[in-house]
Amino acid sequence: MTSAAMDVRRALREDLAELPADALVLVACSGGPDSMSLAIAARAERSWAGAVVIDHGLRPESALEAETTAAWLRQHGLDPVLVVRATVVENGDGLEAAARDARYRVLFRAATDAGAAAVLLGHTRDDQAETVLLGLARGSGVRSLAGMPRQRGICRRPLLDVPRDVVRAAIPAGTPLVHDPHNSDDRFTRARVRHTVLPMLERELGPGIAAALARTADLARADADALGELADATAWDLMHGARDEGTLDVDGLTDLHGAVLSRVVRIWLVEGGCPPGSLTASHVQRVTRLLTDWRGQGAVALPGGVEAFRDYGRLCTRSTPTRDELERQET
């Protein structure tokens, strides 16, 4: 066994240490080098390891690649090996985001049907660094800088501390691999970060940038988790202690630190019907100005057909009328 293979297996073993030895784990496997390396390690480390091979249907050859990958995994002892089609529906956030959403939908469904204890994702330390850099470029908050979580629900990322080159060096010779051209297509932001931006930073600032960005994610995640827990508890108290259901009393918000206030307002807006994926920091900031910069301004329009407004010492939400409703009111 190579040292790279030992590193990958050690990371997987440590991540899954609390799971029963006979619990089923499923590897989300695209046939690419990272997920194939993880699948091989899972078969070696676990008594019961299977895989979910996802076909996004974005290329003519993808169905055949998925079946070829699944056949190889079955031959090498993974069971069950499921091939699922993840239909990509554009959601306005780009092809990458739409494919990710479709992937997670089918993964959760497959894991539930199979009774799996965990779904393993093959993201590496380099993937984490790319995610943090993308968050920085977008001017995102600390939650985005926290990168990808090591665990969220049933999904786990056991290789987040392992460099990509180590993960790929662990693959035995002769293993068939799928190389998705989208991963090197400069139309996609992550591909440009991977192949142009990070290498440039390494050249100009010295080696170790990926590791430093991954450490930033760990530090930011600890801060974001602490603030999130405080905001959750505060929002619960304020929403359930409000004079009127579905509102927030202004007096209970004025002494909150800005970092907690913005999170509380976001939680409240989501509870009020705003889609969390469409609710931006700008939306939240405009609503918080109803508290911090109150001058009698009107309602703030929000995603999901919702608007927020201040009324007699309360923050309130209401549904905005549709075009048909407005036309009926006019007649």
C-alpha atoms as a PDB file:
ATOM      1  CA  MET A   1       0.000   0.000   0.000  1.00  0.00           C
ATOM      2  CA  THR A   2       1.339   3.452  -0.924  1.00  0.00           C
ATOM      3  CA  SER A   3       1.686   6.249   1.617  1.00  0.00           C
ATOM      4  CA  ALA A   4      -0.993   8.189  -0.274  1.00  0.00           C
ATOM      5  CA  ALA A   5      -3.436   5.292   0.039  1.00  0.00           C
ATOM      6  CA  MET A   6      -2.684   5.078   3.770  1.00  0.00           C
ATOM      7  CA  ASP A   7      -3.388   8.816   4.168  1.00  0.00           C
ATOM      8  CA  VAL A   8      -6.743   8.544   2.403  1.00  0.00           C
ATOM      9  CA  ARG A   9      -7.777   5.468   4.362  1.00  0.00           C
ATOM     10  CA  ARG A  10      -6.689   7.053   7.653  1.00  0.00           C
ATOM     11  CA  ALA A  11      -8.769  10.178   6.965  1.00  0.00           C
ATOM     12  CA  LEU A  12     -11.792   8.038   6.132  1.00  0.00           C
ATOM     13  CA  ARG A  13     -11.319   5.824   9.200  1.00  0.00           C
ATOM     14  CA  GLU A  14     -11.107   8.802  11.546  1.00  0.00           C
ATOM     15  CA  ASP A  15     -14.148  10.487  10.034  1.00  0.00           C
ATOM     16  CA  LEU A  16     -16.348   7.393  10.344  1.00  0.00           C
ATOM     17  CA  ALA A  17     -15.035   6.207  13.703  1.00  0.00           C
ATOM     18  CA  GLU A  18     -18.329   6.693  15.553  1.00  0.00           C
ATOM     19  CA  LEU A  19     -20.439   4.806  13.008  1.00  0.00           C
ATOM     20  CA  PRO A  20     -21.162   1.107  13.641  1.00  0.00           C
ATOM     21  CA  ALA A  21     -18.777  -1.106  11.713  1.00  0.00           C
ATOM     22  CA  ASP A  22     -21.627  -2.786   9.855  1.00  0.00           C
ATOM     23  CA  ALA A  23     -23.481   0.428   8.922  1.00  0.00           C
ATOM     24  CA  LEU A  24     -23.903   1.014   5.203  1.00  0.00           C
ATOM     25  CA  VAL A  25     -22.005   3.961   3.757  1.00  0.00           C
ATOM     26  CA  LEU A  26     -22.543   5.146   0.190  1.00  0.00           C
ATOM     27  CA  VAL A  27     -19.909   6.978  -1.825  1.00  0.00           C
ATOM     28  CA  ALA A  28     -21.207   9.636  -4.205  1.00  0.00           C
ATOM     29  CA  CYS A  29     -19.133   8.604  -7.197  1.00  0.00           C
ATOM     30  CA  SER A  30     -18.902  10.468 -10.483  1.00  0.00           C
ATOM     31  CA  GLY A  31     -16.179   8.208 -11.845  1.00  0.00           C
ATOM     32  CA  GLY A  32     -13.700  11.076 -11.457  1.00  0.00           C
ATOM     33  CA  PRO A  33     -10.391  10.564  -9.664  1.00  0.00           C
ATOM     34  CA  ASP A  34     -11.350  12.008  -6.273  1.00  0.00           C
ATOM     35  CA  SER A  35     -14.571  10.063  -5.816  1.00  0.00           C
ATOM     36  CA  MET A  36     -13.024   6.873  -7.207  1.00  0.00           C
ATOM     37  CA  SER A  37     -10.148   7.170  -4.734  1.00  0.00           C
ATOM     38  CA  LEU A  38     -12.681   7.568  -1.924  1.00  0.00           C
ATOM     39  CA  ALA A  39     -14.720   4.583  -3.141  1.00  0.00           C
ATOM     40  CA  ILE A  40     -11.644   2.352  -3.188  1.00  0.00           C
ATOM     41  CA  ALA A  41     -10.732   3.443   0.339  1.00  0.00           C
ATOM     42  CA  ALA A  42     -14.292   2.905   1.578  1.00  0.00           C
ATOM     43  CA  ARG A  43     -14.317  -0.653   0.224  1.00  0.00           C
ATOM     44  CA  ALA A  44     -11.038  -1.351   2.020  1.00  0.00           C
ATOM     45  CA  GLU A  45     -12.022   0.258   5.329  1.00  0.00           C
ATOM     46  CA  ARG A  46     -15.692  -0.634   5.735  1.00  0.00           C
ATOM     47  CA  SER A  47     -17.451  -3.978   5.957  1.00  0.00           C
ATOM     48  CA  TRP A  48     -20.402  -2.578   3.995  1.00  0.00           C
ATOM     49  CA  ALA A  49     -19.754   0.121   1.413  1.00  0.00           C
ATOM     50  CA  GLY A  50     -21.734   0.966  -1.677  1.00  0.00           C
ATOM     51  CA  ALA A  51     -21.891   3.798  -4.177  1.00  0.00           C
ATOM     52  CA  VAL A  52     -24.285   6.113  -5.945  1.00  0.00           C
ATOM     53  CA  VAL A  53     -23.157   6.903  -9.485  1.00  0.00           C
ATOM     54  CA  ILE A  54     -24.836  10.048 -10.767  1.00  0.00           C
ATOM     55  CA  ASP A  55     -25.504  10.812 -14.421  1.00  0.00           C
ATOM     56  CA  HIS A  56     -26.386  14.466 -14.986  1.00  0.00           C
ATOM     57  CA  GLY A  57     -27.139  13.830 -18.633  1.00  0.00           C
ATOM     58  CA  LEU A  58     -25.198  16.911 -19.693  1.00  0.00           C
ATOM     59  CA  ARG A  59     -23.029  15.064 -22.238  1.00  0.00           C
ATOM     60  CA  PRO A  60     -23.988  12.390 -24.801  1.00  0.00           C
ATOM     61  CA  GLU A  61     -21.496   9.915 -23.351  1.00  0.00           C
ATOM     62  CA  SER A  62     -22.424  10.422 -19.688  1.00  0.00           C
ATOM     63  CA  ALA A  63     -24.886   7.503 -19.469  1.00  0.00           C
ATOM     64  CA  LEU A  64     -22.314   5.013 -20.765  1.00  0.00           C
ATOM     65  CA  GLU A  65     -19.649   6.437 -18.431  1.00  0.00           C
ATOM     66  CA  ALA A  66     -21.978   6.027 -15.453  1.00  0.00           C
ATOM     67  CA  GLU A  67     -22.737   2.394 -16.315  1.00  0.00           C
ATOM     68  CA  THR A  68     -19.049   1.623 -16.910  1.00  0.00           C
ATOM     69  CA  THR A  69     -18.091   3.163 -13.557  1.00  0.00           C
ATOM     70  CA  ALA A  70     -20.864   1.263 -11.771  1.00  0.00           C
ATOM     71  CA  ALA A  71     -19.808  -2.044 -13.323  1.00  0.00           C
ATOM     72  CA  TRP A  72     -16.205  -1.533 -12.190  1.00  0.00           C
ATOM     73  CA  LEU A  73     -17.293  -0.662  -8.654  1.00  0.00           C
ATOM     74  CA  ARG A  74     -19.478  -3.777  -8.443  1.00  0.00           C
ATOM     75  CA  GLN A  75     -16.628  -5.942  -9.708  1.00  0.00           C
ATOM     76  CA  HIS A  76     -14.437  -4.575  -6.920  1.00  0.00           C
ATOM     77  CA  GLY A  77     -16.829  -5.388  -4.121  1.00  0.00           C
ATOM     78  CA  LEU A  78     -18.976  -2.304  -3.552  1.00  0.00           C
ATOM     79  CA  ASP A  79     -22.598  -3.168  -2.901  1.00  0.00           C
ATOM     80  CA  PRO A  80     -25.116  -1.782  -3.578  1.00  0.00           C
ATOM     81  CA  VAL A  81     -24.051   0.327  -6.539  1.00  0.00           C
ATOM     82  CA  LEU A  82     -26.885   2.539  -7.744  1.00  0.00           C
ATOM     83  CA  VAL A  83     -26.957   4.493 -10.997  1.00  0.00           C
ATOM     84  CA  VAL A  84     -29.284   7.490 -10.816  1.00  0.00           C
ATOM     85  CA  ARG A  85     -30.138  10.273 -13.224  1.00  0.00           C
ATOM     86  CA  ALA A  86     -30.011  13.787 -11.786  1.00  0.00           C
ATOM     87  CA  THR A  87     -32.095  16.007 -14.043  1.00  0.00           C
ATOM     88  CA  VAL A  88     -30.561  19.474 -14.106  1.00  0.00           C
ATOM     89  CA  VAL A  89     -33.070  22.310 -14.074  1.00  0.00           C
ATOM     90  CA  GLU A  90     -31.707  25.830 -14.453  1.00  0.00           C
ATOM     91  CA  ASN A  91     -32.615  27.890 -11.392  1.00  0.00           C
ATOM     92  CA  GLY A  92     -31.149  31.248 -12.350  1.00  0.00           C
ATOM     93  CA  ASP A  93     -27.924  30.656 -10.416  1.00  0.00           C
ATOM     94  CA  GLY A  94     -26.025  28.993 -13.272  1.00  0.00           C
ATOM     95  CA  LEU A  95     -25.359  25.457 -14.473  1.00  0.00           C
ATOM     96  CA  GLU A  96     -22.950  24.614 -11.641  1.00  0.00           C
ATOM     97  CA  ALA A  97     -25.493  25.476  -8.957  1.00  0.00           C
ATOM     98  CA  ALA A  98     -28.308  23.699 -10.785  1.00  0.00           C
ATOM     99  CA  ALA A  99     -26.245  20.523 -11.170  1.00  0.00           C
ATOM    100  CA  ARG A 100     -25.293  20.644  -7.485  1.00  0.00           C
ATOM    101  CA  ASP A 101     -28.917  21.001  -6.415  1.00  0.00           C
ATOM    102  CA  ALA A 102     -29.969  18.085  -8.628  1.00  0.00           C
ATOM    103  CA  ARG A 103     -27.114  15.951  -7.312  1.00  0.00           C
ATOM    104  CA  TYR A 104     -28.025  16.423  -3.668  1.00  0.00           C
ATOM    105  CA  ARG A 105     -31.695  15.724  -4.321  1.00  0.00           C
ATOM    106  CA  VAL A 106     -30.993  12.305  -5.807  1.00  0.00           C
ATOM    107  CA  LEU A 107     -28.298  11.516  -3.241  1.00  0.00           C
ATOM    108  CA  PHE A 108     -30.664  12.053  -0.318  1.00  0.00           C
ATOM    109  CA  ARG A 109     -33.347   9.974  -2.008  1.00  0.00           C
ATOM    110  CA  ALA A 110     -30.957   7.115  -2.803  1.00  0.00           C
ATOM    111  CA  ALA A 111     -29.486   7.110   0.697  1.00  0.00           C
ATOM    112  CA  THR A 112     -32.931   7.033   2.282  1.00  0.00           C
ATOM    113  CA  ASP A 113     -34.104   4.190   0.045  1.00  0.00           C
ATOM    114  CA  ALA A 114     -30.953   2.153   0.754  1.00  0.00           C
ATOM    115  CA  GLY A 115     -30.986   2.811   4.504  1.00  0.00           C
ATOM    116  CA  ALA A 116     -27.470   4.264   4.446  1.00  0.00           C
ATOM    117  CA  ALA A 117     -25.912   5.734   7.579  1.00  0.00           C
ATOM    118  CA  ALA A 118     -23.770   8.174   5.604  1.00  0.00           C
ATOM    119  CA  VAL A 119     -23.136   9.502   2.108  1.00  0.00           C
ATOM    120  CA  LEU A 120     -19.455  10.218   1.467  1.00  0.00           C
ATOM    121  CA  LEU A 121     -18.397  13.099  -0.790  1.00  0.00           C
ATOM    122  CA  GLY A 122     -14.925  13.233  -2.309  1.00  0.00           C
ATOM    123  CA  HIS A 123     -14.120  16.928  -1.807  1.00  0.00           C
ATOM    124  CA  THR A 124     -10.461  17.545  -0.996  1.00  0.00           C
ATOM    125  CA  ARG A 125      -8.496  20.276   0.737  1.00  0.00           C
ATOM    126  CA  ASP A 126      -8.014  21.964  -2.631  1.00  0.00           C
ATOM    127  CA  ASP A 127     -11.774  21.993  -3.238  1.00  0.00           C
ATOM    128  CA  GLN A 128     -12.194  23.666   0.143  1.00  0.00           C
ATOM    129  CA  ALA A 129      -9.604  26.309  -0.759  1.00  0.00           C
ATOM    130  CA  GLU A 130     -11.436  27.035  -4.013  1.00  0.00           C
ATOM    131  CA  THR A 131     -14.720  27.426  -2.142  1.00  0.00           C
ATOM    132  CA  VAL A 132     -13.216  29.921   0.317  1.00  0.00           C
ATOM    133  CA  LEU A 133     -11.633  31.911  -2.507  1.00  0.00           C
ATOM    134  CA  LEU A 134     -14.960  32.050  -4.349  1.00  0.00           C
ATOM    135  CA  GLY A 135     -16.618  33.310  -1.165  1.00  0.00           C
ATOM    136  CA  LEU A 136     -14.000  36.039  -0.827  1.00  0.00           C
ATOM    137  CA  ALA A 137     -14.448  37.089  -4.450  1.00  0.00           C
ATOM    138  CA  ARG A 138     -18.209  37.391  -4.021  1.00  0.00           C
ATOM    139  CA  GLY A 139     -17.902  39.502  -0.895  1.00  0.00           C
ATOM    140  CA  SER A 140     -19.749  36.873   1.103  1.00  0.00           C
ATOM    141  CA  GLY A 141     -20.076  36.750   4.860  1.00  0.00           C
ATOM    142  CA  VAL A 142     -18.334  34.520   7.352  1.00  0.00           C
ATOM    143  CA  ARG A 143     -20.645  31.582   6.626  1.00  0.00           C
ATOM    144  CA  SER A 144     -19.475  31.445   3.010  1.00  0.00           C
ATOM    145  CA  LEU A 145     -15.846  31.785   4.094  1.00  0.00           C
ATOM    146  CA  ALA A 146     -16.406  28.734   6.292  1.00  0.00           C
ATOM    147  CA  GLY A 147     -16.445  26.725   3.092  1.00  0.00           C
ATOM    148  CA  MET A 148     -17.978  23.280   2.877  1.00  0.00           C
ATOM    149  CA  PRO A 149     -18.939  21.645   6.195  1.00  0.00           C
ATOM    150  CA  ARG A 150     -17.318  18.353   7.116  1.00  0.00           C
ATOM    151  CA  GLN A 151     -20.745  16.980   7.876  1.00  0.00           C
ATOM    152  CA  ARG A 152     -24.258  18.157   7.122  1.00  0.00           C
ATOM    153  CA  GLY A 153     -26.994  15.732   7.892  1.00  0.00           C
ATOM    154  CA  ILE A 154     -26.197  12.394   6.314  1.00  0.00           C
ATOM    155  CA  CYS A 155     -23.469  13.817   4.037  1.00  0.00           C
ATOM    156  CA  ARG A 156     -19.807  13.698   5.073  1.00  0.00           C
ATOM    157  CA  ARG A 157     -16.595  14.971   3.507  1.00  0.00           C
ATOM    158  CA  PRO A 158     -13.823  12.839   5.015  1.00  0.00           C
ATOM    159  CA  LEU A 159     -11.060  14.126   2.710  1.00  0.00           C
ATOM    160  CA  LEU A 160     -11.234  17.865   3.438  1.00  0.00           C
ATOM    161  CA  ASP A 161      -7.813  17.754   5.122  1.00  0.00           C
ATOM    162  CA  VAL A 162      -6.174  15.708   2.347  1.00  0.00           C
ATOM    163  CA  PRO A 163      -4.549  17.478  -0.639  1.00  0.00           C
ATOM    164  CA  ARG A 164      -5.923  16.623  -4.056  1.00  0.00           C
ATOM    165  CA  ASP A 165      -2.615  15.277  -5.326  1.00  0.00           C
ATOM    166  CA  VAL A 166      -2.444  12.835  -2.401  1.00  0.00           C
ATOM    167  CA  VAL A 167      -6.017  11.655  -2.998  1.00  0.00           C
ATOM    168  CA  ARG A 168      -5.236  11.011  -6.651  1.00  0.00           C
ATOM    169  CA  ALA A 169      -1.897   9.359  -5.952  1.00  0.00           C
ATOM    170  CA  ALA A 170      -3.791   6.771  -3.892  1.00  0.00           C
ATOM    171  CA  ILE A 171      -5.628   5.425  -6.958  1.00  0.00           C
ATOM    172  CA  PRO A 172      -4.299   2.016  -8.076  1.00  0.00           C
ATOM    173  CA  ALA A 173      -2.862   1.862 -11.583  1.00  0.00           C
ATOM    174  CA  GLY A 174      -5.362   0.759 -14.184  1.00  0.00           C
ATOM    175  CA  THR A 175      -8.415   2.189 -12.445  1.00  0.00           C
ATOM    176  CA  PRO A 176     -10.803   3.561 -15.109  1.00  0.00           C
ATOM    177  CA  LEU A 177     -11.511   7.234 -14.575  1.00  0.00           C
ATOM    178  CA  VAL A 178     -13.991   9.683 -16.023  1.00  0.00           C
ATOM    179  CA  HIS A 179     -12.588  13.119 -16.869  1.00  0.00           C
ATOM    180  CA  ASP A 180     -15.477  15.568 -17.117  1.00  0.00           C
ATOM    181  CA  PRO A 181     -14.540  18.394 -19.533  1.00  0.00           C
ATOM    182  CA  HIS A 182     -16.710  20.787 -17.510  1.00  0.00           C
ATOM    183  CA  ASN A 183     -14.030  20.693 -14.800  1.00  0.00           C
ATOM    184  CA  SER A 184     -11.561  22.410 -17.114  1.00  0.00           C
ATOM    185  CA  ASP A 185     -14.014  24.626 -18.971  1.00  0.00           C
ATOM    186  CA  ASP A 186     -13.145  28.272 -18.322  1.00  0.00           C
ATOM    187  CA  ARG A 187     -16.783  29.274 -18.731  1.00  0.00           C
ATOM    188  CA  PHE A 188     -17.239  28.049 -15.176  1.00  0.00           C
ATOM    189  CA  THR A 189     -15.928  30.168 -12.319  1.00  0.00           C
ATOM    190  CA  ARG A 190     -14.619  27.268 -10.250  1.00  0.00           C
ATOM    191  CA  ALA A 191     -12.639  25.957 -13.213  1.00  0.00           C
ATOM    192  CA  ARG A 192     -10.950  29.357 -13.608  1.00  0.00           C
ATOM    193  CA  VAL A 193     -10.145  29.455  -9.902  1.00  0.00           C
ATOM    194  CA  ARG A 194      -8.710  25.924 -10.033  1.00  0.00           C
ATOM    195  CA  HIS A 195      -6.597  26.233 -13.150  1.00  0.00           C
ATOM    196  CA  THR A 196      -5.674  29.929 -13.202  1.00  0.00           C
ATOM    197  CA  VAL A 197      -6.256  31.837  -9.962  1.00  0.00           C
ATOM    198  CA  LEU A 198      -4.897  29.426  -7.345  1.00  0.00           C
ATOM    199  CA  PRO A 199      -1.775  28.529  -9.378  1.00  0.00           C
ATOM    200  CA  MET A 200      -1.122  32.260  -9.847  1.00  0.00           C
ATOM    201  CA  LEU A 201      -1.425  32.861  -6.100  1.00  0.00           C
ATOM    202  CA  GLU A 202       0.967  29.985  -5.436  1.00  0.00           C
ATOM    203  CA  ARG A 203       3.493  31.506  -7.848  1.00  0.00           C
ATOM    204  CA  GLU A 204       3.185  35.056  -6.528  1.00  0.00           C
ATOM    205  CA  LEU A 205       2.734  34.440  -2.791  1.00  0.00           C
ATOM    206  CA  GLY A 206       4.524  31.170  -2.332  1.00  0.00           C
ATOM    207  CA  PRO A 207       3.368  27.607  -1.703  1.00  0.00           C
ATOM    208  CA  GLY A 208       0.811  26.679   0.909  1.00  0.00           C
ATOM    209  CA  ILE A 209      -2.047  28.916  -0.252  1.00  0.00           C
ATOM    210  CA  ALA A 210      -4.542  26.046  -0.471  1.00  0.00           C
ATOM    211  CA  ALA A 211      -3.680  24.873   3.032  1.00  0.00           C
ATOM    212  CA  ALA A 212      -3.969  28.420   4.394  1.00  0.00           C
ATOM    213  CA  LEU A 213      -7.380  28.933   2.794  1.00  0.00           C
ATOM    214  CA  ALA A 214      -8.577  25.606   4.207  1.00  0.00           C
ATOM    215  CA  ARG A 215      -7.423  26.697   7.682  1.00  0.00           C
ATOM    216  CA  THR A 216      -9.356  29.934   7.182  1.00  0.00           C
ATOM    217  CA  ALA A 217     -12.453  27.828   6.533  1.00  0.00           C
ATOM    218  CA  ASP A 218     -11.991  25.947   9.817  1.00  0.00           C
ATOM    219  CA  LEU A 219     -11.607  29.181  11.781  1.00  0.00           C
ATOM    220  CA  ALA A 220     -14.508  30.901  10.047  1.00  0.00           C
ATOM    221  CA  ARG A 221     -16.736  27.879  10.575  1.00  0.00           C
ATOM    222  CA  ALA A 222     -16.173  27.943  14.325  1.00  0.00           C
ATOM    223  CA  ASP A 223     -17.129  31.630  14.445  1.00  0.00           C
ATOM    224  CA  ALA A 224     -20.114  31.162  12.139  1.00  0.00           C
ATOM    225  CA  ASP A 225     -21.390  28.206  14.163  1.00  0.00           C
ATOM    226  CA  ALA A 226     -21.160  30.162  17.415  1.00  0.00           C
ATOM    227  CA  LEU A 227     -22.959  33.182  15.950  1.00  0.00           C
ATOM    228  CA  GLY A 228     -25.520  30.936  14.316  1.00  0.00           C
ATOM    229  CA  GLU A 229     -26.365  29.168  17.568  1.00  0.00           C
ATOM    230  CA  LEU A 230     -26.703  32.500  19.379  1.00  0.00           C
ATOM    231  CA  ALA A 231     -28.892  33.916  16.608  1.00  0.00           C
ATOM    232  CA  ASP A 232     -31.097  30.806  16.532  1.00  0.00           C
ATOM    233  CA  ALA A 233     -31.746  31.026  20.266  1.00  0.00           C
ATOM    234  CA  THR A 234     -32.329  34.792  20.142  1.00  0.00           C
ATOM    235  CA  ALA A 235     -34.680  34.542  17.157  1.00  0.00           C
ATOM    236  CA  TRP A 236     -36.675  31.805  18.882  1.00  0.00           C
ATOM    237  CA  ASP A 237     -37.107  33.933  22.007  1.00  0.00           C
ATOM    238  CA  LEU A 238     -38.035  37.079  20.086  1.00  0.00           C
ATOM    239  CA  MET A 239     -40.452  35.429  17.667  1.00  0.00           C
ATOM    240  CA  HIS A 240     -42.262  33.539  20.408  1.00  0.00           C
ATOM    241  CA  GLY A 241     -42.271  36.539  22.750  1.00  0.00           C
ATOM    242  CA  ALA A 242     -43.602  39.029  20.212  1.00  0.00           C
ATOM    243  CA  ARG A 243     -46.886  40.822  20.810  1.00  0.00           C
ATOM    244  CA  ASP A 244     -48.298  39.500  17.538  1.00  0.00           C
ATOM    245  CA  GLU A 245     -47.507  36.192  15.872  1.00  0.00           C
ATOM    246  CA  GLY A 246     -45.178  36.487  12.892  1.00  0.00           C
ATOM    247  CA  THR A 247     -43.771  39.873  13.963  1.00  0.00           C
ATOM    248  CA  LEU A 248     -40.700  41.100  15.821  1.00  0.00           C
ATOM    249  CA  ASP A 249     -40.889  43.785  18.498  1.00  0.00           C
ATOM    250  CA  VAL A 250     -38.450  46.584  17.711  1.00  0.00           C
ATOM    251  CA  ASP A 251     -37.588  47.041  21.405  1.00  0.00           C
ATOM    252  CA  GLY A 252     -36.218  43.498  21.548  1.00  0.00           C
ATOM    253  CA  LEU A 253     -33.880  44.085  18.610  1.00  0.00           C
ATOM    254  CA  THR A 254     -32.288  47.445  19.303  1.00  0.00           C
ATOM    255  CA  ASP A 255     -29.584  46.204  21.688  1.00  0.00           C
ATOM    256  CA  LEU A 256     -28.450  43.266  19.550  1.00  0.00           C
ATOM    257  CA  HIS A 257     -24.972  43.299  18.069  1.00  0.00           C
ATOM    258  CA  GLY A 258     -25.103  43.847  14.314  1.00  0.00           C
ATOM    259  CA  ALA A 259     -23.738  40.363  13.558  1.00  0.00           C
ATOM    260  CA  VAL A 260     -26.510  38.758  15.609  1.00  0.00           C
ATOM    261  CA  LEU A 261     -29.184  41.197  14.427  1.00  0.00           C
ATOM    262  CA  SER A 262     -28.655  40.409  10.752  1.00  0.00           C
ATOM    263  CA  ARG A 263     -28.881  36.688  11.436  1.00  0.00           C
ATOM    264  CA  VAL A 264     -32.023  37.072  13.534  1.00  0.00           C
ATOM    265  CA  VAL A 265     -33.678  39.147  10.813  1.00  0.00           C
ATOM    266  CA  ARG A 266     -32.718  36.573   8.181  1.00  0.00           C
ATOM    267  CA  ILE A 267     -34.186  33.715  10.255  1.00  0.00           C
ATOM    268  CA  TRP A 268     -37.391  35.704  10.744  1.00  0.00           C
ATOM    269  CA  LEU A 269     -37.684  36.519   7.030  1.00  0.00           C
ATOM    270  CA  VAL A 270     -37.263  32.880   6.058  1.00  0.00           C
ATOM    271  CA  GLU A 271     -39.963  31.965   8.572  1.00  0.00           C
ATOM    272  CA  GLY A 272     -42.097  34.649   6.939  1.00  0.00           C
ATOM    273  CA  GLY A 273     -41.904  32.973   3.528  1.00  0.00           C
ATOM    274  CA  CYS A 274     -38.729  34.286   1.854  1.00  0.00           C
ATOM    275  CA  PRO A 275     -36.864  31.515  -0.027  1.00  0.00           C
ATOM    276  CA  PRO A 276     -33.497  31.181   1.752  1.00  0.00           C
ATOM    277  CA  GLY A 277     -31.608  30.601  -1.500  1.00  0.00           C
ATOM    278  CA  SER A 278     -32.851  33.905  -2.919  1.00  0.00           C
ATOM    279  CA  LEU A 279     -32.537  36.021   0.222  1.00  0.00           C
ATOM    280  CA  THR A 280     -29.307  38.014  -0.066  1.00  0.00           C
ATOM    281  CA  ALA A 281     -27.288  40.037   2.420  1.00  0.00           C
ATOM    282  CA  SER A 282     -28.550  43.172   0.645  1.00  0.00           C
ATOM    283  CA  HIS A 283     -32.154  42.186   1.338  1.00  0.00           C
ATOM    284  CA  VAL A 284     -31.402  41.613   5.012  1.00  0.00           C
ATOM    285  CA  GLN A 285     -29.507  44.892   5.258  1.00  0.00           C
ATOM    286  CA  ARG A 286     -32.432  46.847   3.830  1.00  0.00           C
ATOM    287  CA  VAL A 287     -34.770  45.302   6.378  1.00  0.00           C
ATOM    288  CA  THR A 288     -32.416  45.993   9.300  1.00  0.00           C
ATOM    289  CA  ARG A 289     -32.422  49.663   8.260  1.00  0.00           C
ATOM    290  CA  LEU A 290     -36.060  49.713   9.342  1.00  0.00           C
ATOM    291  CA  LEU A 291     -34.513  49.437  12.810  1.00  0.00           C
ATOM    292  CA  THR A 292     -31.145  51.137  12.596  1.00  0.00           C
ATOM    293  CA  ASP A 293     -32.028  53.984  10.215  1.00  0.00           C
ATOM    294  CA  TRP A 294     -35.763  54.454  10.687  1.00  0.00           C
ATOM    295  CA  ARG A 295     -37.131  57.532   8.887  1.00  0.00           C
ATOM    296  CA  GLY A 296     -40.638  56.369   8.146  1.00  0.00           C
ATOM    297  CA  GLN A 297     -39.625  54.608   4.936  1.00  0.00           C
ATOM    298  CA  GLY A 298     -41.958  52.221   3.135  1.00  0.00           C
ATOM    299  CA  ALA A 299     -41.981  48.465   2.833  1.00  0.00           C
ATOM    300  CA  VAL A 300     -38.980  46.483   1.585  1.00  0.00           C
ATOM    301  CA  ALA A 301     -39.731  44.147  -1.337  1.00  0.00           C
ATOM    302  CA  LEU A 302     -38.261  40.662  -0.847  1.00  0.00           C
ATOM    303  CA  PRO A 303     -38.052  37.373  -2.755  1.00  0.00           C
ATOM    304  CA  GLY A 304     -40.978  34.996  -2.623  1.00  0.00           C
ATOM    305  CA  GLY A 305     -43.646  37.664  -2.968  1.00  0.00           C
ATOM    306  CA  VAL A 306     -43.000  38.994   0.530  1.00  0.00           C
ATOM    307  CA  GLU A 307     -42.405  42.489   1.830  1.00  0.00           C
ATOM    308  CA  ALA A 308     -41.265  43.659   5.254  1.00  0.00           C
ATOM    309  CA  PHE A 309     -42.382  46.863   6.918  1.00  0.00           C
ATOM    310  CA  ARG A 310     -42.366  48.618  10.275  1.00  0.00           C
ATOM    311  CA  ASP A 311     -45.650  49.304  11.995  1.00  0.00           C
ATOM    312  CA  TYR A 312     -46.241  50.636  15.533  1.00  0.00           C
ATOM    313  CA  GLY A 313     -42.979  49.373  16.993  1.00  0.00           C
ATOM    314  CA  ARG A 314     -43.061  46.034  15.192  1.00  0.00           C
ATOM    315  CA  LEU A 315     -41.380  44.508  12.176  1.00  0.00           C
ATOM    316  CA  CYS A 316     -44.007  42.766  10.064  1.00  0.00           C
ATOM    317  CA  THR A 317     -44.194  40.818   6.820  1.00  0.00           C
ATOM    318  CA  ARG A 318     -47.018  40.431   4.347  1.00  0.00           C
ATOM    319  CA  SER A 319     -47.567  38.876   0.958  1.00  0.00           C
ATOM    320  CA  THR A 320     -47.401  41.251  -1.966  1.00  0.00           C
ATOM    321  CA  PRO A 321     -50.383  41.085  -4.309  1.00  0.00           C
ATOM    322  CA  THR A 322     -49.894  39.355  -7.644  1.00  0.00           C
ATOM    323  CA  ARG A 323     -50.571  41.128 -10.931  1.00  0.00           C
ATOM    324  CA  ASP A 324     -53.920  39.347 -11.236  1.00  0.00           C
ATOM    325  CA  GLU A 325     -54.908  40.439  -7.745  1.00  0.00           C
ATOM    326  CA  LEU A 326     -53.971  44.043  -8.498  1.00  0.00           C
ATOM    327  CA  GLU A 327     -56.012  43.965 -11.682  1.00  0.00           C
ATOM    328  CA  ARG A 328     -59.015  42.593  -9.813  1.00  0.00           C
ATOM    329  CA  GLN A 329     -58.666  45.340  -7.203  1.00  0.00           C
ATOM    330  CA  GLU A 330     -58.640  47.983  -9.937  1.00  0.00           C
ATOM    331  CA  THR A 331     -61.847  46.622 -11.440  1.00  0.00           C
END
